[in-house]
């Protein structure tokens, strides 16, 4: 598990049925390639976020597969048309097996 990993999301607090919203996500993550060495000369293990998903009440909103060249602290911005109130689940998957999750509840307007 990478150190100091912090997922952040910006989602609407409320919505009306059929309204479209912009969602923003950022995860603070070092994205180690597995090619660098530490001060003792040991290889730092690979740790890269390789997949990001967002679901709203169990329905997939976005599912992104990332390649190793993705930057440190990956940022995503996308739109979602919401059927009404519910809960977003944002999930980031790390090569080392770690899974980071953040949720956001949207209330009816």
Protein backbone atom coordinates (compact mmCIF):
# COMPACT_ATOMS: atom_id res chain seq x y z
CA UNK A 1 0.00 0.00 0.00
CA UNK A 2 1.36 3.40 -0.97
CA UNK A 3 1.87 5.95 1.79
CA UNK A 4 -0.17 9.15 2.14
CA UNK A 5 -2.80 8.18 -0.43
CA UNK A 6 -5.76 10.53 -0.17
CA UNK A 7 -8.76 10.35 -2.53
CA UNK A 8 -10.77 13.54 -3.00
CA UNK A 9 -14.06 14.01 -4.81
CA UNK A 10 -16.29 16.91 -5.69
CA UNK A 11 -19.89 15.89 -6.30
CA UNK A 12 -23.20 17.77 -6.05
CA UNK A 13 -24.89 17.90 -2.64
CA UNK A 14 -28.34 17.82 -4.19
CA UNK A 15 -29.98 17.13 -7.55
CA UNK A 16 -33.29 17.02 -9.34
CA UNK A 17 -34.18 13.97 -11.44
CA UNK A 18 -32.56 14.14 -14.88
CA UNK A 19 -30.09 16.87 -13.95
CA UNK A 20 -26.51 16.62 -15.31
CA UNK A 21 -23.60 17.38 -12.99
CA UNK A 22 -19.84 17.65 -13.37
CA UNK A 23 -17.87 15.42 -11.00
CA UNK A 24 -14.21 15.88 -10.17
CA UNK A 25 -11.82 13.42 -8.54
CA UNK A 26 -8.19 13.56 -7.52
CA UNK A 27 -6.18 10.94 -5.69
CA UNK A 28 -2.86 11.86 -4.10
CA UNK A 29 -0.68 8.91 -5.05
CA UNK A 30 3.07 8.66 -5.79
CA UNK A 31 2.64 6.28 -8.78
CA UNK A 32 5.93 4.37 -8.42
CA UNK A 33 7.02 2.75 -11.69
CA UNK A 34 9.10 0.00 -10.07
CA UNK A 35 12.24 1.28 -11.80
CA UNK A 36 13.52 3.77 -9.21
CA UNK A 37 15.80 2.90 -6.30
CA UNK A 38 15.71 4.12 -2.71
CA UNK A 39 18.70 5.63 -0.85
CA UNK A 40 19.98 2.12 -0.01
CA UNK A 41 19.93 1.05 -3.67
CA UNK A 42 16.88 -1.19 -3.33
CA UNK A 43 14.24 -1.11 -6.04
CA UNK A 44 11.08 0.69 -4.93
CA UNK A 45 8.15 -1.68 -5.66
CA UNK A 46 5.77 -0.76 -8.45
CA UNK A 47 2.60 0.94 -7.18
CA UNK A 48 0.42 2.45 -9.90
CA UNK A 49 -3.31 3.21 -9.94
CA UNK A 50 -4.41 1.11 -12.92
CA UNK A 51 -8.21 1.45 -12.75
CA UNK A 52 -10.78 4.00 -11.60
CA UNK A 53 -14.53 3.41 -11.34
CA UNK A 54 -17.49 5.51 -10.30
CA UNK A 55 -20.90 4.07 -9.54
CA UNK A 56 -24.17 5.77 -8.64
CA UNK A 57 -26.55 3.55 -6.66
CA UNK A 58 -24.87 0.44 -8.08
CA UNK A 59 -24.93 1.61 -11.72
CA UNK A 60 -21.60 2.24 -13.46
CA UNK A 61 -21.05 5.88 -14.38
CA UNK A 62 -17.45 5.55 -15.58
CA UNK A 63 -14.84 2.78 -15.66
CA UNK A 64 -11.32 3.82 -16.70
CA UNK A 65 -8.32 1.55 -17.27
CA UNK A 66 -5.04 3.44 -16.96
CA UNK A 67 -1.66 2.61 -18.44
CA UNK A 68 1.68 2.86 -16.60
CA UNK A 69 2.42 6.30 -18.09
CA UNK A 70 -0.40 7.92 -16.06
CA UNK A 71 0.80 10.91 -14.04
CA UNK A 72 1.25 11.17 -10.29
CA UNK A 73 -1.99 12.23 -8.52
CA UNK A 74 -4.45 11.27 -11.30
CA UNK A 75 -7.32 13.74 -11.82
CA UNK A 76 -10.60 12.96 -13.57
CA UNK A 77 -13.46 15.27 -14.50
CA UNK A 78 -16.61 13.88 -16.08
CA UNK A 79 -20.37 14.46 -16.30
CA UNK A 80 -23.18 12.29 -15.01
CA UNK A 81 -26.92 12.58 -15.56
CA UNK A 82 -28.54 11.62 -12.26
CA UNK A 83 -31.95 9.96 -11.92
CA UNK A 84 -32.42 11.52 -8.48
CA UNK A 85 -30.98 11.25 -4.99
CA UNK A 86 -28.48 8.49 -4.24
CA UNK A 87 -24.89 7.67 -3.44
CA UNK A 88 -21.72 7.79 -5.52
CA UNK A 89 -18.96 5.26 -4.86
CA UNK A 90 -15.56 6.22 -6.29
CA UNK A 91 -12.95 3.44 -6.36
CA UNK A 92 -9.27 3.44 -7.32
CA UNK A 93 -7.37 0.15 -7.81
CA UNK A 94 -3.62 -0.06 -7.21
CA UNK A 95 -1.22 -2.58 -8.81
CA UNK A 96 -0.13 -3.64 -5.33
CA UNK A 97 -3.66 -4.88 -4.57
CA UNK A 98 -4.75 -1.85 -2.55
CA UNK A 99 -8.21 -0.42 -3.18
CA UNK A 100 -9.13 3.14 -2.20
CA UNK A 101 -12.78 4.15 -1.93
CA UNK A 102 -14.59 7.41 -1.32
CA UNK A 103 -18.35 7.99 -1.23
CA UNK A 104 -20.56 11.03 -1.75
CA UNK A 105 -24.28 11.21 -0.99
CA UNK A 106 -26.55 13.32 -3.20
CA UNK A 107 -29.87 14.47 -1.74
CA UNK A 108 -33.06 15.36 -3.59
CA UNK A 109 -33.39 19.04 -4.47
